[in-house]
Amino acid sequence: MKCPDGEQVGVSTQLLVDPRSPRFVATVVGVLSVVALYGYAAMTAVLTTGTVSFVLLAVLLPTATAYWLARLVF
C-alpha cells in the first residue's frame, strides 16, 4: 500500500488494532482464559458450565461497568 506522497507503508501500520497494545494483549489473554476454563469444565465433573458462566458474569460485569464509568468520568 502506498501513502499519498508515494512512500511504501508497512503491514503494521495497515492494521486496525495494534497487536502490541496492552488492551489487545489483555483481550486475547482473557478470551483464551475463558475458553480454557469452559474446556476444563466441559471435560471434568468438577465444575459445571453454569457455575463457570455465573462466576465470569459476577467478575466481568462489574469490571466492564467500572471501565465504562471511568471512561465517562475521566
N, C-alpha and C. Protein backbone atom coordinates (compact mmCIF):
# COMPACT_ATOMS: atom_id res chain seq x y z
N MET A 1 0.85 -1.17 0.00
CA MET A 1 0.00 0.00 0.00
C MET A 1 0.90 1.24 0.00
N LYS A 2 0.50 2.26 -0.72
CA LYS A 2 1.31 3.48 -0.80
C LYS A 2 0.58 4.65 -0.16
N CYS A 3 1.36 5.51 0.46
CA CYS A 3 0.83 6.75 1.03
C CYS A 3 0.62 7.75 -0.10
N PRO A 4 -0.12 8.83 0.17
CA PRO A 4 -0.32 9.86 -0.86
C PRO A 4 0.98 10.45 -1.39
N ASP A 5 2.03 10.47 -0.56
CA ASP A 5 3.29 11.03 -1.04
C ASP A 5 4.15 9.99 -1.76
N GLY A 6 3.62 8.76 -1.94
CA GLY A 6 4.31 7.73 -2.69
C GLY A 6 5.17 6.81 -1.85
N GLU A 7 5.24 7.03 -0.55
CA GLU A 7 6.06 6.20 0.33
C GLU A 7 5.34 4.89 0.62
N GLN A 8 6.10 3.81 0.68
CA GLN A 8 5.55 2.49 0.97
C GLN A 8 5.17 2.40 2.45
N VAL A 9 4.01 1.84 2.73
CA VAL A 9 3.52 1.69 4.11
C VAL A 9 3.66 0.23 4.51
N GLY A 10 4.19 -0.01 5.70
CA GLY A 10 4.36 -1.38 6.19
C GLY A 10 3.05 -1.99 6.64
N VAL A 11 3.08 -3.30 6.82
CA VAL A 11 1.88 -4.03 7.21
C VAL A 11 1.41 -3.59 8.59
N SER A 12 2.32 -3.33 9.53
CA SER A 12 1.92 -2.99 10.89
C SER A 12 1.14 -1.67 10.95
N THR A 13 1.34 -0.78 10.01
CA THR A 13 0.59 0.47 10.02
C THR A 13 -0.76 0.32 9.34
N GLN A 14 -0.99 -0.79 8.66
CA GLN A 14 -2.27 -1.03 8.00
C GLN A 14 -3.28 -1.69 8.93
N LEU A 15 -2.82 -2.28 10.03
CA LEU A 15 -3.71 -2.97 10.95
C LEU A 15 -4.60 -1.97 11.68
N LEU A 16 -5.85 -2.37 11.89
CA LEU A 16 -6.78 -1.51 12.62
C LEU A 16 -6.50 -1.54 14.13
N VAL A 17 -5.98 -2.66 14.61
CA VAL A 17 -5.66 -2.82 16.02
C VAL A 17 -4.17 -3.13 16.13
N ASP A 18 -3.51 -2.46 17.03
CA ASP A 18 -2.09 -2.70 17.24
C ASP A 18 -1.91 -3.94 18.11
N PRO A 19 -1.28 -4.99 17.59
CA PRO A 19 -1.13 -6.21 18.40
C PRO A 19 -0.20 -6.02 19.59
N ARG A 20 0.52 -4.92 19.66
CA ARG A 20 1.38 -4.65 20.80
C ARG A 20 0.67 -3.80 21.86
N SER A 21 -0.57 -3.44 21.61
CA SER A 21 -1.34 -2.64 22.56
C SER A 21 -1.67 -3.46 23.81
N PRO A 22 -1.50 -2.90 25.00
CA PRO A 22 -1.85 -3.64 26.22
C PRO A 22 -3.31 -4.08 26.25
N ARG A 23 -4.20 -3.28 25.73
CA ARG A 23 -5.62 -3.65 25.71
C ARG A 23 -5.85 -4.87 24.81
N PHE A 24 -5.17 -4.90 23.66
CA PHE A 24 -5.29 -6.03 22.74
C PHE A 24 -4.75 -7.31 23.38
N VAL A 25 -3.58 -7.21 23.99
CA VAL A 25 -2.97 -8.38 24.64
C VAL A 25 -3.86 -8.88 25.76
N ALA A 26 -4.39 -7.98 26.57
CA ALA A 26 -5.27 -8.37 27.67
C ALA A 26 -6.55 -9.04 27.15
N THR A 27 -7.08 -8.54 26.05
CA THR A 27 -8.28 -9.14 25.47
C THR A 27 -8.02 -10.54 24.97
N VAL A 28 -6.91 -10.74 24.28
CA VAL A 28 -6.56 -12.07 23.77
C VAL A 28 -6.34 -13.05 24.92
N VAL A 29 -5.62 -12.62 25.94
CA VAL A 29 -5.38 -13.49 27.10
C VAL A 29 -6.69 -13.80 27.81
N GLY A 30 -7.57 -12.82 27.94
CA GLY A 30 -8.86 -13.05 28.58
C GLY A 30 -9.72 -14.04 27.82
N VAL A 31 -9.76 -13.90 26.50
CA VAL A 31 -10.56 -14.82 25.68
C VAL A 31 -9.99 -16.24 25.78
N LEU A 32 -8.68 -16.38 25.69
CA LEU A 32 -8.07 -17.70 25.80
C LEU A 32 -8.29 -18.31 27.18
N SER A 33 -8.30 -17.49 28.22
CA SER A 33 -8.56 -17.98 29.57
C SER A 33 -9.99 -18.49 29.72
N VAL A 34 -10.93 -17.76 29.16
CA VAL A 34 -12.33 -18.19 29.22
C VAL A 34 -12.52 -19.49 28.46
N VAL A 35 -11.91 -19.60 27.29
CA VAL A 35 -12.00 -20.84 26.51
C VAL A 35 -11.41 -22.01 27.29
N ALA A 36 -10.26 -21.79 27.92
CA ALA A 36 -9.63 -22.85 28.70
C ALA A 36 -10.50 -23.25 29.88
N LEU A 37 -11.11 -22.27 30.54
CA LEU A 37 -11.97 -22.56 31.69
C LEU A 37 -13.20 -23.36 31.28
N TYR A 38 -13.85 -22.96 30.19
CA TYR A 38 -15.01 -23.71 29.71
C TYR A 38 -14.61 -25.09 29.21
N GLY A 39 -13.45 -25.20 28.57
CA GLY A 39 -12.97 -26.51 28.13
C GLY A 39 -12.72 -27.43 29.32
N TYR A 40 -12.09 -26.90 30.36
CA TYR A 40 -11.86 -27.69 31.57
C TYR A 40 -13.18 -28.10 32.21
N ALA A 41 -14.13 -27.18 32.28
CA ALA A 41 -15.43 -27.50 32.88
C ALA A 41 -16.18 -28.55 32.07
N ALA A 42 -16.03 -28.52 30.76
CA ALA A 42 -16.73 -29.48 29.92
C ALA A 42 -16.11 -30.87 29.99
N MET A 43 -14.81 -30.95 30.24
CA MET A 43 -14.13 -32.25 30.23
C MET A 43 -14.05 -32.90 31.61
N THR A 44 -14.33 -32.16 32.66
CA THR A 44 -14.29 -32.75 34.00
C THR A 44 -15.65 -32.58 34.67
N ALA A 45 -15.82 -33.30 35.75
CA ALA A 45 -17.08 -33.20 36.51
C ALA A 45 -16.92 -32.27 37.71
N VAL A 46 -15.80 -31.57 37.79
CA VAL A 46 -15.56 -30.69 38.93
C VAL A 46 -16.42 -29.44 38.86
N LEU A 47 -16.48 -28.83 37.71
CA LEU A 47 -17.25 -27.60 37.51
C LEU A 47 -18.33 -27.83 36.45
N THR A 48 -19.42 -27.10 36.58
CA THR A 48 -20.42 -27.11 35.52
C THR A 48 -20.27 -25.82 34.71
N THR A 49 -20.71 -25.86 33.48
CA THR A 49 -20.61 -24.64 32.66
C THR A 49 -21.50 -23.54 33.22
N GLY A 50 -22.58 -23.90 33.89
CA GLY A 50 -23.43 -22.90 34.53
C GLY A 50 -22.71 -22.17 35.65
N THR A 51 -21.94 -22.91 36.44
CA THR A 51 -21.16 -22.29 37.51
C THR A 51 -20.09 -21.37 36.94
N VAL A 52 -19.42 -21.83 35.88
CA VAL A 52 -18.39 -21.02 35.24
C VAL A 52 -19.01 -19.74 34.69
N SER A 53 -20.17 -19.85 34.05
CA SER A 53 -20.84 -18.68 33.49
C SER A 53 -21.21 -17.69 34.59
N PHE A 54 -21.74 -18.18 35.70
CA PHE A 54 -22.12 -17.30 36.81
C PHE A 54 -20.92 -16.56 37.37
N VAL A 55 -19.81 -17.28 37.59
CA VAL A 55 -18.61 -16.66 38.15
C VAL A 55 -18.04 -15.62 37.18
N LEU A 56 -18.00 -15.95 35.90
CA LEU A 56 -17.48 -15.00 34.92
C LEU A 56 -18.34 -13.74 34.84
N LEU A 57 -19.65 -13.91 34.87
CA LEU A 57 -20.53 -12.73 34.86
C LEU A 57 -20.37 -11.92 36.14
N ALA A 58 -20.21 -12.61 37.27
CA ALA A 58 -20.03 -11.91 38.54
C ALA A 58 -18.74 -11.10 38.56
N VAL A 59 -17.73 -11.52 37.82
CA VAL A 59 -16.46 -10.81 37.78
C VAL A 59 -16.43 -9.77 36.66
N LEU A 60 -16.85 -10.18 35.47
CA LEU A 60 -16.69 -9.32 34.29
C LEU A 60 -17.73 -8.21 34.19
N LEU A 61 -18.93 -8.42 34.67
CA LEU A 61 -19.96 -7.38 34.57
C LEU A 61 -19.60 -6.14 35.40
N PRO A 62 -19.19 -6.27 36.66
CA PRO A 62 -18.75 -5.08 37.39
C PRO A 62 -17.48 -4.45 36.80
N THR A 63 -16.59 -5.29 36.28
CA THR A 63 -15.37 -4.77 35.67
C THR A 63 -15.70 -3.93 34.45
N ALA A 64 -16.57 -4.43 33.60
CA ALA A 64 -16.96 -3.69 32.40
C ALA A 64 -17.70 -2.40 32.77
N THR A 65 -18.54 -2.46 33.80
CA THR A 65 -19.26 -1.27 34.23
C THR A 65 -18.29 -0.22 34.78
N ALA A 66 -17.33 -0.65 35.56
CA ALA A 66 -16.34 0.28 36.10
C ALA A 66 -15.50 0.90 35.00
N TYR A 67 -15.14 0.12 34.00
CA TYR A 67 -14.37 0.64 32.87
C TYR A 67 -15.18 1.69 32.11
N TRP A 68 -16.46 1.39 31.88
CA TRP A 68 -17.34 2.31 31.15
C TRP A 68 -17.50 3.63 31.94
N LEU A 69 -17.72 3.52 33.24
CA LEU A 69 -17.87 4.71 34.06
C LEU A 69 -16.57 5.52 34.13
N ALA A 70 -15.44 4.84 34.24
CA ALA A 70 -14.16 5.54 34.28
C ALA A 70 -13.89 6.29 32.98
N ARG A 71 -14.28 5.74 31.86
CA ARG A 71 -14.10 6.43 30.58
C ARG A 71 -15.00 7.65 30.49
N LEU A 72 -16.17 7.57 31.08
CA LEU A 72 -17.08 8.72 31.07
C LEU A 72 -16.58 9.83 31.99
N VAL A 73 -16.10 9.46 33.15
CA VAL A 73 -15.68 10.43 34.15
C VAL A 73 -14.33 11.04 33.83
N PHE A 74 -13.38 10.21 33.46
CA PHE A 74 -12.02 10.70 33.22
C PHE A 74 -11.86 10.94 31.77
